[in-house]
C-alpha atoms as a PDB file:
ATOM      1  CA  MET A   1      -4.422 -73.736  63.597  1.00  0.00           C
ATOM      2  CA  ASN A   2      -1.686 -73.443  66.218  1.00  0.00           C
ATOM      3  CA  ILE A   3       0.325 -70.329  67.164  1.00  0.00           C
ATOM      4  CA  PRO A   4       3.491 -71.135  65.138  1.00  0.00           C
ATOM      5  CA  ASN A   5       1.418 -71.645  61.980  1.00  0.00           C
ATOM      6  CA  LYS A   6      -0.432 -68.363  62.605  1.00  0.00           C
ATOM      7  CA  ILE A   7       2.936 -66.614  62.945  1.00  0.00           C
ATOM      8  CA  THR A   8       4.052 -68.181  59.654  1.00  0.00           C
ATOM      9  CA  LEU A   9       0.842 -67.018  57.965  1.00  0.00           C
ATOM     10  CA  SER A  10       1.452 -63.509  59.286  1.00  0.00           C
ATOM     11  CA  ARG A  11       4.813 -63.569  57.473  1.00  0.00           C
ATOM     12  CA  ILE A  12       3.051 -64.532  54.241  1.00  0.00           C
ATOM     13  CA  PHE A  13       0.484 -61.737  54.718  1.00  0.00           C
ATOM     14  CA  LEU A  14       3.271 -59.174  55.258  1.00  0.00           C
ATOM     15  CA  ILE A  15       4.808 -59.955  51.848  1.00  0.00           C
ATOM     16  CA  PRO A  16       2.200 -58.089  49.725  1.00  0.00           C
ATOM     17  CA  ILE A  17       2.479 -55.059  52.025  1.00  0.00           C
ATOM     18  CA  PHE A  18       6.274 -55.165  51.644  1.00  0.00           C
ATOM     19  CA  ILE A  19       5.906 -55.388  47.852  1.00  0.00           C
ATOM     20  CA  LEU A  20       3.380 -52.535  47.820  1.00  0.00           C
ATOM     21  CA  ILE A  21       5.670 -50.222  49.812  1.00  0.00           C
ATOM     22  CA  LEU A  22       8.536 -50.743  47.368  1.00  0.00           C
ATOM     23  CA  SER A  23       6.486 -50.884  44.155  1.00  0.00           C
ATOM     24  CA  VAL A  24       4.089 -47.958  44.491  1.00  0.00           C
ATOM     25  CA  PRO A  25       5.781 -44.549  44.185  1.00  0.00           C
ATOM     26  CA  PHE A  26       4.856 -43.245  47.630  1.00  0.00           C
ATOM     27  CA  GLU A  27       6.318 -39.801  48.364  1.00  0.00           C
ATOM     28  CA  TRP A  28       7.299 -40.239  51.995  1.00  0.00           C
ATOM     29  CA  GLY A  29      10.451 -38.184  51.683  1.00  0.00           C
ATOM     30  CA  ILE A  30      14.161 -38.803  51.935  1.00  0.00           C
ATOM     31  CA  TRP A  31      16.390 -39.252  54.947  1.00  0.00           C
ATOM     32  CA  ASP A  32      19.601 -37.326  54.273  1.00  0.00           C
ATOM     33  CA  MET A  33      22.506 -39.358  55.649  1.00  0.00           C
ATOM     34  CA  GLY A  34      25.246 -36.998  54.532  1.00  0.00           C
ATOM     35  CA  SER A  35      27.011 -38.869  51.744  1.00  0.00           C
ATOM     36  CA  ARG A  36      23.927 -40.934  50.891  1.00  0.00           C
ATOM     37  CA  GLU A  37      20.187 -40.527  50.868  1.00  0.00           C
ATOM     38  CA  LEU A  38      17.734 -43.134  52.105  1.00  0.00           C
ATOM     39  CA  PRO A  39      14.167 -42.998  50.767  1.00  0.00           C
ATOM     40  CA  ILE A  40      11.727 -43.386  53.661  1.00  0.00           C
ATOM     41  CA  THR A  41       9.919 -46.073  51.629  1.00  0.00           C
ATOM     42  CA  HIS A  42      13.121 -48.149  51.658  1.00  0.00           C
ATOM     43  CA  LEU A  43      13.456 -47.618  55.405  1.00  0.00           C
ATOM     44  CA  ALA A  44       9.828 -48.655  55.984  1.00  0.00           C
ATOM     45  CA  ALA A  45      10.268 -51.706  53.736  1.00  0.00           C
ATOM     46  CA  ALA A  46      13.477 -52.651  55.573  1.00  0.00           C
ATOM     47  CA  VAL A  47      11.756 -52.475  58.963  1.00  0.00           C
ATOM     48  CA  LEU A  48       8.831 -54.542  57.668  1.00  0.00           C
ATOM     49  CA  PHE A  49      11.233 -57.053  56.098  1.00  0.00           C
ATOM     50  CA  ILE A  50      13.185 -57.421  59.351  1.00  0.00           C
ATOM     51  CA  ILE A  51       9.947 -57.955  61.302  1.00  0.00           C
ATOM     52  CA  ALA A  52       8.745 -60.545  58.761  1.00  0.00           C
ATOM     53  CA  ALA A  53      12.124 -62.308  58.786  1.00  0.00           C
ATOM     54  CA  GLY A  54      12.045 -62.315  62.592  1.00  0.00           C
ATOM     55  CA  THR A  55       8.799 -64.253  62.562  1.00  0.00           C
ATOM     56  CA  ASP A  56      10.749 -67.147  61.008  1.00  0.00           C
ATOM     57  CA  TRP A  57      12.783 -67.485  64.193  1.00  0.00           C
ATOM     58  CA  LEU A  58       9.698 -66.920  66.362  1.00  0.00           C
ATOM     59  CA  ASP A  59       7.491 -69.598  64.755  1.00  0.00           C
ATOM     60  CA  GLY A  60      10.330 -72.131  64.881  1.00  0.00           C
ATOM     61  CA  TYR A  61      11.016 -71.346  68.525  1.00  0.00           C
ATOM     62  CA  TYR A  62       7.375 -71.862  69.547  1.00  0.00           C
ATOM     63  CA  ALA A  63       6.971 -74.974  67.416  1.00  0.00           C
ATOM     64  CA  ARG A  64      10.025 -76.652  68.966  1.00  0.00           C
ATOM     65  CA  LYS A  65       9.494 -75.461  72.538  1.00  0.00           C
ATOM     66  CA  TYR A  66       5.852 -76.491  72.752  1.00  0.00           C
ATOM     67  CA  HIS A  67       6.059 -79.495  70.396  1.00  0.00           C
ATOM     68  CA  LEU A  68       3.693 -77.893  67.890  1.00  0.00           C
ATOM     69  CA  ILE A  69       5.403 -79.080  64.717  1.00  0.00           C
ATOM     70  CA  THR A  70       2.780 -79.918  62.095  1.00  0.00           C
ATOM     71  CA  ASN A  71       2.801 -80.992  58.468  1.00  0.00           C
ATOM     72  CA  ILE A  72       1.189 -77.707  57.432  1.00  0.00           C
ATOM     73  CA  GLY A  73       3.948 -75.892  59.313  1.00  0.00           C
ATOM     74  CA  LYS A  74       6.624 -77.945  57.564  1.00  0.00           C
ATOM     75  CA  PHE A  75       5.059 -76.849  54.272  1.00  0.00           C
ATOM     76  CA  LEU A  76       4.250 -73.203  55.060  1.00  0.00           C
ATOM     77  CA  ASP A  77       7.447 -72.190  56.869  1.00  0.00           C
ATOM     78  CA  PRO A  78       9.943 -72.799  54.030  1.00  0.00           C
ATOM     79  CA  LEU A  79       7.384 -71.508  51.508  1.00  0.00           C
ATOM     80  CA  ALA A  80       6.999 -68.250  53.459  1.00  0.00           C
ATOM     81  CA  ASP A  81      10.783 -67.873  53.684  1.00  0.00           C
ATOM     82  CA  LYS A  82      11.279 -68.399  49.956  1.00  0.00           C
ATOM     83  CA  LEU A  83       8.435 -66.040  49.028  1.00  0.00           C
ATOM     84  CA  LEU A  84       9.745 -63.282  51.297  1.00  0.00           C
ATOM     85  CA  VAL A  85      13.384 -63.564  50.228  1.00  0.00           C
ATOM     86  CA  SER A  86      12.532 -63.949  46.527  1.00  0.00           C
ATOM     87  CA  ALA A  87      10.223 -60.929  46.573  1.00  0.00           C
ATOM     88  CA  ALA A  88      12.875 -58.851  48.334  1.00  0.00           C
ATOM     89  CA  PHE A  89      15.669 -59.844  45.957  1.00  0.00           C
ATOM     90  CA  ILE A  90      13.530 -59.232  42.865  1.00  0.00           C
ATOM     91  CA  LEU A  91      12.556 -55.788  44.154  1.00  0.00           C
ATOM     92  CA  LEU A  92      16.219 -55.019  44.906  1.00  0.00           C
ATOM     93  CA  VAL A  93      17.001 -55.711  41.245  1.00  0.00           C
ATOM     94  CA  GLU A  94      14.136 -53.449  40.152  1.00  0.00           C
ATOM     95  CA  LEU A  95      15.460 -50.700  42.431  1.00  0.00           C
ATOM     96  CA  GLY A  96      18.967 -51.096  41.027  1.00  0.00           C
ATOM     97  CA  LEU A  97      20.369 -52.175  44.404  1.00  0.00           C
ATOM     98  CA  ALA A  98      21.389 -55.743  43.462  1.00  0.00           C
ATOM     99  CA  PRO A  99      22.716 -57.308  40.257  1.00  0.00           C
ATOM    100  CA  ALA A 100      20.209 -59.530  38.458  1.00  0.00           C
ATOM    101  CA  TRP A 101      22.676 -62.386  37.883  1.00  0.00           C
ATOM    102  CA  ILE A 102      23.186 -62.914  41.627  1.00  0.00           C
ATOM    103  CA  VAL A 103      19.454 -62.822  42.290  1.00  0.00           C
ATOM    104  CA  ILE A 104      18.729 -65.266  39.442  1.00  0.00           C
ATOM    105  CA  LEU A 105      21.254 -67.748  40.831  1.00  0.00           C
ATOM    106  CA  ILE A 106      19.987 -67.365  44.407  1.00  0.00           C
ATOM    107  CA  ILE A 107      16.358 -67.912  43.391  1.00  0.00           C
ATOM    108  CA  SER A 108      17.332 -70.798  41.099  1.00  0.00           C
ATOM    109  CA  ARG A 109      18.989 -72.547  44.037  1.00  0.00           C
ATOM    110  CA  GLU A 110      15.825 -72.109  46.080  1.00  0.00           C
ATOM    111  CA  PHE A 111      13.719 -73.682  43.313  1.00  0.00           C
ATOM    112  CA  ALA A 112      16.185 -76.562  42.928  1.00  0.00           C
ATOM    113  CA  VAL A 113      16.222 -77.361  46.641  1.00  0.00           C
ATOM    114  CA  THR A 114      12.427 -77.108  46.794  1.00  0.00           C
ATOM    115  CA  GLY A 115      12.237 -79.565  43.892  1.00  0.00           C
ATOM    116  CA  LEU A 116      14.529 -81.978  45.702  1.00  0.00           C
ATOM    117  CA  ARG A 117      12.393 -81.676  48.832  1.00  0.00           C
ATOM    118  CA  LEU A 118       9.263 -82.430  46.797  1.00  0.00           C
ATOM    119  CA  VAL A 119      10.843 -85.557  45.321  1.00  0.00           C
ATOM    120  CA  ALA A 120      11.959 -86.624  48.799  1.00  0.00           C
ATOM    121  CA  SER A 121       8.500 -85.965  50.202  1.00  0.00           C
ATOM    122  CA  GLY A 122       6.996 -88.164  47.494  1.00  0.00           C
ATOM    123  CA  GLU A 123       9.349 -90.908  48.639  1.00  0.00           C
ATOM    124  CA  GLY A 124       8.329 -90.414  52.280  1.00  0.00           C
ATOM    125  CA  VAL A 125      11.652 -88.786  53.204  1.00  0.00           C
ATOM    126  CA  VAL A 126      11.826 -85.493  55.116  1.00  0.00           C
ATOM    127  CA  LEU A 127      14.947 -83.456  54.361  1.00  0.00           C
ATOM    128  CA  ALA A 128      15.894 -81.264  57.294  1.00  0.00           C
ATOM    129  CA  ALA A 129      17.579 -77.908  56.920  1.00  0.00           C
ATOM    130  CA  SER A 130      21.345 -78.061  57.232  1.00  0.00           C
ATOM    131  CA  PRO A 131      23.551 -75.719  59.284  1.00  0.00           C
ATOM    132  CA  LEU A 132      24.853 -74.300  55.987  1.00  0.00           C
ATOM    133  CA  GLY A 133      21.251 -73.602  54.966  1.00  0.00           C
ATOM    134  CA  LYS A 134      20.698 -71.662  58.172  1.00  0.00           C
ATOM    135  CA  ILE A 135      23.858 -69.608  57.555  1.00  0.00           C
ATOM    136  CA  LYS A 136      22.615 -69.008  54.001  1.00  0.00           C
ATOM    137  CA  THR A 137      19.300 -67.709  55.306  1.00  0.00           C
ATOM    138  CA  VAL A 138      20.893 -65.374  57.860  1.00  0.00           C
ATOM    139  CA  SER A 139      23.320 -63.998  55.266  1.00  0.00           C
ATOM    140  CA  GLN A 140      20.497 -63.422  52.768  1.00  0.00           C
ATOM    141  CA  ILE A 141      18.340 -61.619  55.342  1.00  0.00           C
ATOM    142  CA  THR A 142      21.283 -59.483  56.458  1.00  0.00           C
ATOM    143  CA  ALA A 143      22.195 -58.599  52.862  1.00  0.00           C
ATOM    144  CA  ILE A 144      18.614 -57.664  51.968  1.00  0.00           C
ATOM    145  CA  ALA A 145      18.183 -55.499  55.073  1.00  0.00           C
ATOM    146  CA  LEU A 146      21.482 -53.671  54.484  1.00  0.00           C
ATOM    147  CA  LEU A 147      20.721 -53.115  50.801  1.00  0.00           C
ATOM    148  CA  LEU A 148      17.274 -51.726  51.616  1.00  0.00           C
ATOM    149  CA  LEU A 149      18.859 -49.455  54.222  1.00  0.00           C
ATOM    150  CA  HIS A 150      21.447 -48.258  51.668  1.00  0.00           C
ATOM    151  CA  ASN A 151      24.173 -49.673  53.917  1.00  0.00           C
ATOM    152  CA  PHE A 152      23.124 -47.674  56.979  1.00  0.00           C
ATOM    153  CA  PRO A 153      24.970 -47.232  59.377  1.00  0.00           C
ATOM    154  CA  PHE A 154      28.100 -48.509  57.624  1.00  0.00           C
ATOM    155  CA  SER A 155      27.811 -45.875  54.902  1.00  0.00           C
ATOM    156  CA  PHE A 156      29.074 -43.304  57.425  1.00  0.00           C
ATOM    157  CA  ILE A 157      32.462 -45.037  57.528  1.00  0.00           C
ATOM    158  CA  ASN A 158      32.452 -45.974  53.824  1.00  0.00           C
ATOM    159  CA  PHE A 159      32.477 -49.695  54.617  1.00  0.00           C
ATOM    160  CA  PRO A 160      30.467 -51.577  51.946  1.00  0.00           C
ATOM    161  CA  LEU A 161      28.986 -54.206  54.263  1.00  0.00           C
ATOM    162  CA  ASP A 162      25.842 -54.377  52.114  1.00  0.00           C
ATOM    163  CA  VAL A 163      27.834 -55.495  49.056  1.00  0.00           C
ATOM    164  CA  ILE A 164      30.045 -57.811  51.131  1.00  0.00           C
ATOM    165  CA  MET A 165      26.960 -59.469  52.644  1.00  0.00           C
ATOM    166  CA  LEU A 166      25.316 -59.802  49.222  1.00  0.00           C
ATOM    167  CA  TYR A 167      28.339 -61.701  47.894  1.00  0.00           C
ATOM    168  CA  ALA A 168      28.562 -63.706  51.132  1.00  0.00           C
ATOM    169  CA  ALA A 169      24.872 -64.604  50.755  1.00  0.00           C
ATOM    170  CA  PHE A 170      25.524 -65.617  47.158  1.00  0.00           C
ATOM    171  CA  LEU A 171      28.499 -67.755  48.207  1.00  0.00           C
ATOM    172  CA  PHE A 172      26.621 -69.468  51.061  1.00  0.00           C
ATOM    173  CA  THR A 173      23.614 -69.998  48.777  1.00  0.00           C
ATOM    174  CA  VAL A 174      25.715 -71.783  46.164  1.00  0.00           C
ATOM    175  CA  ILE A 175      27.742 -73.811  48.696  1.00  0.00           C
ATOM    176  CA  SER A 176      24.681 -74.863  50.700  1.00  0.00           C
ATOM    177  CA  GLY A 177      22.884 -75.813  47.472  1.00  0.00           C
ATOM    178  CA  PHE A 178      25.741 -78.060  46.354  1.00  0.00           C
ATOM    179  CA  ASP A 179      25.990 -79.516  49.865  1.00  0.00           C
ATOM    180  CA  TYR A 180      22.250 -80.194  49.979  1.00  0.00           C
ATOM    181  CA  PHE A 181      22.276 -82.004  46.651  1.00  0.00           C
ATOM    182  CA  TYR A 182      25.488 -83.905  47.449  1.00  0.00           C
ATOM    183  CA  LYS A 183      24.123 -85.214  50.754  1.00  0.00           C
ATOM    184  CA  ASN A 184      20.662 -86.010  49.377  1.00  0.00           C
ATOM    185  CA  TRP A 185      21.322 -87.075  45.792  1.00  0.00           C
ATOM    186  CA  HIS A 186      20.335 -90.636  46.740  1.00  0.00           C
ATOM    187  CA  VAL A 187      16.743 -89.403  46.967  1.00  0.00           C
ATOM    188  CA  MET A 188      16.789 -88.403  43.282  1.00  0.00           C
ATOM    189  CA  ARG A 189      18.768 -91.470  42.264  1.00  0.00           C
ATOM    190  CA  ASP A 190      16.500 -93.932  44.083  1.00  0.00           C
ATOM    191  CA  SER A 191      13.127 -92.278  43.309  1.00  0.00           C
ATOM    192  CA  LYS A 192      10.643 -94.339  41.353  1.00  0.00           C
END
């Protein structure tokens, strides 16, 4: 197994640790930020999430730079991304930090696009990620990190960047989903 695939696997292995930190009632204390409080567990989960999300850029960089793109990598990388983001969004709902309806629609889009990719794969067609999909991913990661951090440091100036980024992520998720299906509908239409 090459280095990019090992990096991708490390992202998958970080997901249960991330879930554990947010699901088990650890008493690590609270960081008092004046107008808001940030549980240390949320801070630890945010740091772990940012590290895991960063491995997505790192594995892609190594795979492209050293021509180490493999079929297993093409499978594992988007799977790892979807598992990480889905787990984070679901936990944000459980923590009361994100509305369920947005998370349901975001995860539904991910399932739909994965389904389209599976159909395309069965037809021998590889569907590459679009620029809108990359913007969607960055906005989702930013929103999740800010929500886990209780909008730190923007909470000090009462600027709700966490909520703005959540709605931006939702918007880019929906737009990129429609764009993906519009540009690749022929795969569904022409499948046998």
